[in-house]
Amino acid sequence: YLGMALGSRKLYSSPEERIAVLEEMFDMDIDPIGRMDTMVIALGCAIFAITGVFIIAAWTEHTYRPIRAKNLPLTTVLYISGILWFVGDLPMNGHVLLKGAFSECKFWNIWVRVLFCFIYTSVLSIRCYALDRVFNQNKPTKGLAYYLPSIIFIGSYIAYSIVTTAVPGRLTIGYAEAVELCTTTKGYVIATLCLLWLNWVIIITMMIRLRNIQSTFNEFYEFLFICFFGIAAMIKTTTVHFTHPKYPLVLGYRIAETLGDVLIINGIILIIMAYPVVMSLVHNKEYEREWLLRLRTDGLQDMYEANLNLRAEGPAHYARMNGSSPNQIKKSMAEECTRDSRFFDTPRFGHNNHEQEDTGMVRNICDSYRALEEAIVVPHNRGTTSKHCFETRSVSSLETVDDGPKGRRIL
């Protein structure tokens, strides 16, 4: 009966008759497309709209250093890829009737859903690779050696899409006009899922290599949560495709598949961008000052400044401290603490609790300065330079960054 459906014109004259034909063909209950599918589409659009608000807010504050450190252009590519992945899910998961333009199964599955799913995960892999190259390999993010893995990633997925499009539909994915369904072969499903799993294995491997990077950007912890969501999505998708290959015909399964993808796509983006965006709106200067201080404490300031174009102007202008005498350093620290105290103690209407919190933050910052001051070994006389004098690597300004890190740029 399925062979007859694939090789003939319509077998029904009404939607109800179509459902009856499909139920007899597959010996299962079929859920027609209805209001619940429309609600799923609306809910998915609403979730993407919320994430879009964060992206727009981030672009309006694109000069804010904690946001710039997250690489807003690459995150925007992630967001656009997620939208197109969602658009491809709608016809392939059975939320719309496969008529007219939606009957082009190869286009919607191969070039929209699968390709942008590949691109989404590839962007995560590229960011992992960039961080690994800078902090583990101590190499710049430029040149053929850096771009080659990205070219291989994207090029292999485009080649896969071209090949699967050229292969006859009976071997990959085709359209059964008689019952208005897209049909896929097990071999095509296995090949596609294997490529996706390979990408996540690469991401996990890179994440493990990033585990020793302790910085204020929390890359390791971000990727830990990202990998958790990604593996959960892959387990969900793999299980559904092999245990319920006709899931688009069952309302519960198609809703779970689509909303699961939506939540994971947007959840990963919000893990990366939500916190710095919120802090830029509610505690703009306070958070940036604390963030800069933590960055210097991590000892990775040179690498981040050179790769992310982050200037070292912040709570303490350490550029003035390079080559200065200990008394000048003390004076610089005292001035900065006094200025920060004046800044944080500025009255704000209806925010008494915040004033107390900010005062405590100032005390913590000044305590950190004093601890740094105590760590400085003072030369015994002016004519002798102690080789144990503090290293300026973690506290130097952009002008003192060595030539090696200057060429780096994290994606």
Protein backbone atom coordinates (compact mmCIF):
# COMPACT_ATOMS: atom_id res chain seq x y z
CA TYR A 1 0.00 0.00 0.00
CA LEU A 2 2.88 2.37 0.75
CA GLY A 3 4.40 1.55 -2.64
CA MET A 4 1.11 2.43 -4.28
CA ALA A 5 1.03 5.73 -2.36
CA LEU A 6 4.54 6.62 -3.46
CA GLY A 7 3.85 5.90 -7.11
CA SER A 8 0.38 7.35 -7.64
CA ARG A 9 -1.61 10.55 -7.43
CA LYS A 10 -3.80 11.48 -4.46
CA LEU A 11 -5.56 8.60 -2.72
CA TYR A 12 -8.12 10.80 -0.96
CA SER A 13 -10.57 13.62 -1.60
CA SER A 14 -10.68 15.28 1.88
CA PRO A 15 -8.39 15.77 4.92
CA GLU A 16 -10.42 13.25 6.91
CA GLU A 17 -10.00 10.64 4.20
CA ARG A 18 -6.26 11.36 4.14
CA ILE A 19 -6.03 10.61 7.88
CA ALA A 20 -7.97 7.39 7.35
CA VAL A 21 -5.62 6.35 4.53
CA LEU A 22 -2.55 7.05 6.65
CA GLU A 23 -3.94 5.17 9.66
CA GLU A 24 -4.63 2.13 7.50
CA MET A 25 -1.25 2.43 5.79
CA PHE A 26 0.83 2.64 8.98
CA ASP A 27 -1.53 0.82 11.36
CA MET A 28 -1.39 3.63 13.93
CA ASP A 29 -3.41 6.57 15.18
CA ILE A 30 -2.72 9.79 13.26
CA ASP A 31 -3.13 13.27 14.76
CA PRO A 32 -4.25 15.84 12.18
CA ILE A 33 -2.57 19.24 11.98
CA GLY A 34 -4.60 21.70 14.03
CA ARG A 35 -4.66 24.48 16.59
CA MET A 36 -2.02 22.91 18.83
CA ASP A 37 0.46 23.04 15.96
CA THR A 38 -0.33 26.73 15.46
CA MET A 39 0.27 27.32 19.18
CA VAL A 40 3.62 25.55 18.98
CA ILE A 41 4.68 27.80 16.10
CA ALA A 42 3.55 30.89 18.02
CA LEU A 43 5.34 29.80 21.20
CA GLY A 44 8.54 29.08 19.28
CA CYS A 45 8.40 32.53 17.66
CA ALA A 46 7.84 34.14 21.07
CA ILE A 47 10.88 32.41 22.57
CA PHE A 48 13.04 33.49 19.64
CA ALA A 49 11.68 37.02 20.06
CA ILE A 50 12.80 37.07 23.72
CA THR A 51 16.27 35.93 22.72
CA GLY A 52 16.21 38.54 19.96
CA VAL A 53 15.59 41.25 22.58
CA PHE A 54 18.78 40.17 24.35
CA ILE A 55 20.71 40.23 21.07
CA ILE A 56 19.42 43.72 20.23
CA ALA A 57 20.19 44.93 23.77
CA ALA A 58 23.69 43.50 23.41
CA TRP A 59 24.23 45.36 20.14
CA THR A 60 23.09 48.63 21.72
CA GLU A 61 25.76 48.05 24.40
CA HIS A 62 28.32 46.55 22.01
CA THR A 63 31.12 48.72 23.42
CA TYR A 64 30.54 47.32 26.93
CA ARG A 65 33.62 45.19 27.56
CA PRO A 66 31.97 42.16 29.24
CA ILE A 67 29.61 41.93 26.22
CA ARG A 68 32.36 42.50 23.65
CA ALA A 69 34.30 39.64 25.23
CA LYS A 70 31.51 37.21 24.26
CA ASN A 71 32.01 37.98 20.54
CA LEU A 72 28.66 39.43 19.58
CA PRO A 73 28.98 38.84 15.78
CA LEU A 74 29.57 35.12 16.26
CA THR A 75 26.67 34.90 18.74
CA THR A 76 24.46 36.67 16.20
CA VAL A 77 25.38 34.05 13.58
CA LEU A 78 24.42 31.44 16.18
CA TYR A 79 21.02 33.12 16.62
CA ILE A 80 20.28 33.40 12.89
CA SER A 81 21.27 29.76 12.36
CA GLY A 82 18.92 28.77 15.17
CA ILE A 83 16.03 30.64 13.56
CA LEU A 84 16.53 28.89 10.22
CA TRP A 85 16.90 25.54 12.00
CA PHE A 86 13.49 26.20 13.62
CA VAL A 87 11.96 27.18 10.28
CA GLY A 88 13.17 23.88 8.81
CA ASP A 89 11.68 21.99 11.76
CA LEU A 90 8.16 23.21 11.02
CA PRO A 91 7.49 21.26 7.79
CA MET A 92 9.80 18.35 8.67
CA ASN A 93 8.17 17.80 12.09
CA GLY A 94 4.68 17.88 10.61
CA HIS A 95 3.35 21.23 11.86
CA VAL A 96 2.26 22.36 8.40
CA LEU A 97 0.71 20.52 5.47
CA LEU A 98 3.32 19.62 2.88
CA LYS A 99 1.68 21.37 -0.04
CA GLY A 100 3.01 23.85 -2.54
CA ALA A 101 6.39 25.26 -1.45
CA PHE A 102 6.43 23.02 1.64
CA SER A 103 6.43 19.93 -0.57
CA GLU A 104 10.10 20.55 -1.47
CA CYS A 105 11.34 18.04 1.09
CA LYS A 106 14.99 18.11 0.05
CA PHE A 107 15.17 21.88 0.31
CA TRP A 108 13.53 22.15 3.75
CA ASN A 109 15.32 19.15 5.22
CA ILE A 110 18.79 19.31 3.65
CA TRP A 111 19.35 23.01 3.00
CA VAL A 112 17.40 24.56 5.88
CA ARG A 113 16.96 22.21 8.80
CA VAL A 114 20.06 20.01 8.61
CA LEU A 115 22.52 22.53 7.14
CA PHE A 116 21.78 25.24 9.72
CA CYS A 117 21.80 22.68 12.50
CA PHE A 118 25.32 21.83 11.30
CA ILE A 119 26.25 25.52 11.14
CA TYR A 120 24.89 26.14 14.64
CA THR A 121 27.02 23.40 16.17
CA SER A 122 30.00 24.38 13.97
CA VAL A 123 29.95 27.91 15.40
CA LEU A 124 30.23 26.43 18.89
CA SER A 125 33.12 24.25 17.72
CA ILE A 126 34.90 27.24 16.14
CA ARG A 127 34.63 29.27 19.35
CA CYS A 128 36.02 26.32 21.34
CA TYR A 129 38.89 25.98 18.89
CA ALA A 130 39.70 29.69 19.05
CA LEU A 131 39.90 29.63 22.85
CA ASP A 132 41.99 26.44 22.79
CA ARG A 133 44.35 27.92 20.21
CA VAL A 134 44.95 31.08 22.24
CA PHE A 135 45.18 29.72 25.78
CA ASN A 136 46.40 26.15 25.32
CA GLN A 137 48.45 26.31 22.12
CA ASN A 138 49.56 29.94 22.61
CA LYS A 139 49.03 30.66 18.93
CA PRO A 140 47.31 33.60 17.20
CA THR A 141 43.80 33.46 15.80
CA LYS A 142 44.87 34.28 12.28
CA GLY A 143 46.50 32.64 9.31
CA LEU A 144 45.72 29.52 7.32
CA ALA A 145 46.37 27.18 10.26
CA TYR A 146 43.62 28.92 12.21
CA TYR A 147 41.01 29.22 9.45
CA LEU A 148 41.60 25.79 7.92
CA PRO A 149 39.52 23.81 10.48
CA SER A 150 36.61 26.24 10.01
CA ILE A 151 36.84 25.90 6.24
CA ILE A 152 36.89 22.11 6.56
CA PHE A 153 33.88 22.18 8.89
CA ILE A 154 31.64 24.36 6.73
CA GLY A 155 32.92 22.95 3.44
CA SER A 156 32.25 19.35 4.46
CA TYR A 157 28.67 20.17 5.44
CA ILE A 158 27.99 22.02 2.20
CA ALA A 159 29.49 19.10 0.25
CA TYR A 160 27.27 16.71 2.20
CA SER A 161 24.23 18.81 1.33
CA ILE A 162 25.15 18.89 -2.36
CA VAL A 163 25.68 15.12 -2.50
CA THR A 164 22.45 14.26 -0.68
CA THR A 165 20.55 16.64 -2.95
CA ALA A 166 22.02 15.03 -6.08
CA VAL A 167 21.28 11.47 -4.94
CA PRO A 168 17.80 10.22 -5.94
CA GLY A 169 15.10 10.78 -3.35
CA ARG A 170 14.44 7.05 -2.94
CA LEU A 171 17.94 6.77 -1.42
CA THR A 172 17.81 9.85 0.86
CA ILE A 173 14.67 11.93 1.22
CA GLY A 174 11.71 12.28 -1.14
CA TYR A 175 8.13 13.47 -1.38
CA ALA A 176 5.13 11.09 -1.52
CA GLU A 177 2.58 13.25 -3.30
CA ALA A 178 -0.23 10.72 -2.87
CA VAL A 179 -0.29 11.18 0.92
CA GLU A 180 1.60 14.49 1.14
CA LEU A 181 4.47 13.16 3.24
CA CYS A 182 8.25 13.40 3.22
CA THR A 183 9.93 10.00 3.30
CA THR A 184 13.48 9.41 4.53
CA THR A 185 15.67 6.32 4.37
CA LYS A 186 17.39 4.86 7.42
CA GLY A 187 20.80 5.29 5.78
CA TYR A 188 20.27 9.04 5.33
CA VAL A 189 19.09 9.44 8.93
CA ILE A 190 22.09 7.50 10.29
CA ALA A 191 24.60 9.48 8.21
CA THR A 192 23.13 12.82 9.28
CA LEU A 193 22.99 11.90 12.97
CA CYS A 194 26.56 10.56 12.88
CA LEU A 195 27.83 13.90 11.54
CA LEU A 196 26.00 15.75 14.30
CA TRP A 197 27.37 13.42 16.98
CA LEU A 198 30.87 13.90 15.57
CA ASN A 199 30.52 17.65 15.94
CA TRP A 200 29.47 17.34 19.58
CA VAL A 201 32.34 14.95 20.29
CA ILE A 202 34.70 17.64 18.96
CA ILE A 203 33.04 20.27 21.15
CA ILE A 204 33.33 18.06 24.25
CA THR A 205 37.00 17.34 23.48
CA MET A 206 37.73 21.05 23.16
CA MET A 207 35.78 21.76 26.34
CA ILE A 208 37.93 19.29 28.28
CA ARG A 209 41.03 21.09 27.00
CA LEU A 210 39.56 24.40 28.27
CA ARG A 211 38.96 23.10 31.80
CA ASN A 212 42.10 24.76 33.21
CA ILE A 213 41.26 28.23 31.97
CA GLN A 214 40.14 30.07 35.10
CA SER A 215 38.96 33.46 33.95
CA THR A 216 36.26 35.97 34.53
CA PHE A 217 34.58 34.93 31.26
CA ASN A 218 33.81 31.43 32.62
CA GLU A 219 34.32 29.74 29.25
CA PHE A 220 34.66 26.27 30.72
CA TYR A 221 31.47 26.51 32.76
CA GLU A 222 29.57 27.96 29.83
CA PHE A 223 30.63 25.10 27.58
CA LEU A 224 29.87 22.61 30.35
CA PHE A 225 26.22 23.71 30.33
CA ILE A 226 26.22 24.01 26.54
CA CYS A 227 27.45 20.42 26.19
CA PHE A 228 24.81 19.26 28.65
CA PHE A 229 22.04 20.82 26.55
CA GLY A 230 23.61 19.64 23.30
CA ILE A 231 24.00 16.01 24.37
CA ALA A 232 20.45 16.03 25.77
CA ALA A 233 19.20 17.26 22.39
CA MET A 234 21.17 14.61 20.50
CA ILE A 235 19.91 11.80 22.76
CA LYS A 236 16.35 13.06 22.29
CA THR A 237 16.62 13.32 18.52
CA THR A 238 18.41 9.99 18.06
CA THR A 239 15.94 8.13 20.27
CA VAL A 240 12.89 9.58 18.56
CA HIS A 241 14.17 8.95 15.02
CA PHE A 242 14.93 5.28 15.71
CA THR A 243 12.05 4.35 18.03
CA HIS A 244 9.32 6.45 16.37
CA PRO A 245 10.37 7.15 12.78
CA LYS A 246 6.82 8.37 11.97
CA TYR A 247 6.83 10.89 14.84
CA PRO A 248 5.60 13.82 12.63
CA LEU A 249 2.21 12.05 12.50
CA VAL A 250 1.83 12.00 16.31
CA LEU A 251 1.04 15.31 18.02
CA GLY A 252 2.94 14.68 21.27
CA TYR A 253 6.15 13.62 19.56
CA ARG A 254 6.24 16.45 17.03
CA ILE A 255 5.57 19.04 19.75
CA ALA A 256 8.32 17.59 21.95
CA GLU A 257 10.80 17.54 19.07
CA THR A 258 10.14 21.11 17.95
CA LEU A 259 9.90 22.77 21.37
CA GLY A 260 12.91 20.77 22.56
CA ASP A 261 14.98 22.18 19.71
CA VAL A 262 13.67 25.71 20.37
CA LEU A 263 14.54 25.60 24.07
CA ILE A 264 18.02 24.20 23.47
CA ILE A 265 18.83 26.63 20.64
CA ASN A 266 17.81 29.66 22.70
CA GLY A 267 19.08 28.29 26.00
CA ILE A 268 22.63 28.00 24.68
CA ILE A 269 22.56 31.58 23.35
CA LEU A 270 21.22 32.92 26.65
CA ILE A 271 23.88 31.04 28.61
CA ILE A 272 26.47 33.01 26.64
CA MET A 273 24.83 36.45 26.51
CA ALA A 274 22.10 36.87 29.16
CA TYR A 275 24.17 37.67 32.25
CA PRO A 276 26.45 40.38 30.79
CA VAL A 277 23.46 41.97 29.04
CA VAL A 278 21.41 42.09 32.26
CA MET A 279 24.36 43.45 34.24
CA SER A 280 24.97 46.13 31.60
CA LEU A 281 21.43 47.36 32.26
CA VAL A 282 21.19 47.13 36.06
CA HIS A 283 24.79 47.54 37.32
CA ASN A 284 26.67 48.87 34.34
CA LYS A 285 29.71 50.58 35.86
CA GLU A 286 29.86 48.47 39.02
CA TYR A 287 29.89 45.16 37.16
CA GLU A 288 32.42 46.36 34.60
CA ARG A 289 34.80 47.52 37.36
CA GLU A 290 34.53 44.23 39.22
CA TRP A 291 34.88 42.33 35.93
CA LEU A 292 38.08 44.18 35.03
CA LEU A 293 39.56 43.61 38.46
CA ARG A 294 38.81 39.89 38.29
CA LEU A 295 40.33 39.79 34.80
CA ARG A 296 43.61 41.14 36.12
CA THR A 297 43.51 38.78 39.08
CA ASP A 298 43.13 35.81 36.69
CA GLY A 299 46.46 36.69 35.09
CA LEU A 300 45.03 36.45 31.56
CA GLN A 301 44.62 40.14 30.85
CA ASP A 302 47.29 40.32 28.14
CA MET A 303 45.74 37.51 26.11
CA TYR A 304 42.19 38.81 26.39
CA GLU A 305 43.11 42.41 25.62
CA ALA A 306 45.11 41.43 22.54
CA ASN A 307 42.47 39.01 21.24
CA LEU A 308 39.27 40.84 22.12
CA ASN A 309 40.49 44.43 21.77
CA LEU A 310 39.69 45.11 25.42
CA ARG A 311 41.43 48.21 26.72
CA ALA A 312 42.84 48.08 30.20
CA GLU A 313 41.19 51.27 31.45
CA GLY A 314 39.38 50.35 34.59
CA PRO A 315 39.32 50.56 38.39
CA ALA A 316 43.10 51.03 38.54
CA HIS A 317 45.07 52.30 35.60
CA TYR A 318 47.93 49.87 35.90
CA ALA A 319 49.67 51.54 32.97
CA ARG A 320 50.71 54.26 35.38
CA MET A 321 52.16 51.63 37.68
CA ASN A 322 54.58 50.14 35.18
CA GLY A 323 58.04 51.45 35.93
CA SER A 324 56.76 53.55 38.85
CA SER A 325 58.22 53.68 42.31
CA PRO A 326 56.39 51.94 45.20
CA ASN A 327 55.25 55.30 46.57
CA GLN A 328 53.75 56.20 43.21
CA ILE A 329 51.98 52.83 43.14
CA LYS A 330 50.53 53.43 46.61
CA LYS A 331 49.37 56.87 45.57
CA SER A 332 47.76 55.51 42.39
CA MET A 333 45.89 52.84 44.32
CA ALA A 334 44.71 55.32 46.95
CA GLU A 335 43.45 57.71 44.28
CA GLU A 336 41.56 54.96 42.50
CA CYS A 337 39.94 53.70 45.70
CA THR A 338 38.91 57.25 46.65
CA ARG A 339 37.48 57.93 43.20
CA ASP A 340 35.61 54.61 43.19
CA SER A 341 34.21 55.40 46.63
CA ARG A 342 32.88 58.71 45.40
CA PHE A 343 31.37 56.98 42.39
CA PHE A 344 29.66 54.23 44.34
CA ASP A 345 28.49 56.50 47.16
CA THR A 346 26.60 58.79 44.79
CA PRO A 347 22.97 58.86 46.05
CA ARG A 348 20.43 57.11 43.88
CA PHE A 349 16.73 57.53 44.54
CA GLY A 350 15.09 54.50 46.15
CA HIS A 351 18.24 52.35 46.13
CA ASN A 352 19.53 52.38 49.72
CA ASN A 353 20.21 48.65 49.66
CA HIS A 354 22.21 49.01 46.48
CA GLU A 355 24.28 51.76 48.08
CA GLN A 356 25.27 49.41 50.89
CA GLU A 357 26.15 46.67 48.39
CA ASP A 358 28.22 49.08 46.30
CA THR A 359 30.09 50.30 49.39
CA GLY A 360 30.96 46.71 50.21
CA MET A 361 32.13 46.21 46.64
CA VAL A 362 34.42 49.21 46.96
CA ARG A 363 35.92 47.80 50.14
CA ASN A 364 36.55 44.49 48.38
CA ILE A 365 38.19 46.24 45.43
CA CYS A 366 40.44 48.32 47.69
CA ASP A 367 41.36 45.25 49.72
CA SER A 368 42.39 43.57 46.48
CA TYR A 369 44.55 46.55 45.59
CA ARG A 370 46.26 46.42 48.96
CA ALA A 371 46.88 42.69 48.58
CA LEU A 372 48.45 43.38 45.20
CA GLU A 373 50.55 46.14 46.73
CA GLU A 374 51.82 43.78 49.43
CA ALA A 375 52.85 41.29 46.74
CA ILE A 376 55.21 43.79 45.17
CA VAL A 377 58.86 43.21 46.05
CA VAL A 378 60.61 46.56 46.40
CA PRO A 379 64.21 46.90 45.15
CA HIS A 380 66.69 47.52 47.98
CA ASN A 381 68.17 50.59 46.31
CA ARG A 382 67.64 52.67 43.25
CA GLY A 383 70.75 51.39 41.53
CA THR A 384 69.73 47.74 41.79
CA THR A 385 66.83 46.23 39.94
CA SER A 386 65.39 43.18 41.71
CA LYS A 387 64.67 40.36 39.36
CA HIS A 388 61.86 39.35 41.74
CA CYS A 389 60.00 42.54 41.01
CA PHE A 390 56.34 41.83 40.29
CA GLU A 391 55.50 40.60 36.80
CA THR A 392 53.33 43.00 34.84
CA ARG A 393 51.85 40.31 32.61
CA SER A 394 48.54 40.18 34.44
CA VAL A 395 48.25 43.87 35.15
CA SER A 396 49.85 45.62 32.20
CA SER A 397 48.01 47.94 29.92
CA LEU A 398 47.49 47.42 26.22
CA GLU A 399 50.64 49.39 25.51
CA THR A 400 52.79 46.81 27.35
CA VAL A 401 51.38 43.74 25.65
CA ASP A 402 54.07 41.74 23.91
CA ASP A 403 54.05 41.35 20.15
CA GLY A 404 52.98 37.68 20.30
CA PRO A 405 49.49 38.14 21.76
CA LYS A 406 48.88 41.31 19.74
CA GLY A 407 48.03 39.31 16.65
CA ARG A 408 45.48 37.16 18.38
CA ARG A 409 41.76 37.64 18.15
CA ILE A 410 39.24 35.32 19.71
CA LEU A 411 36.19 34.49 17.65
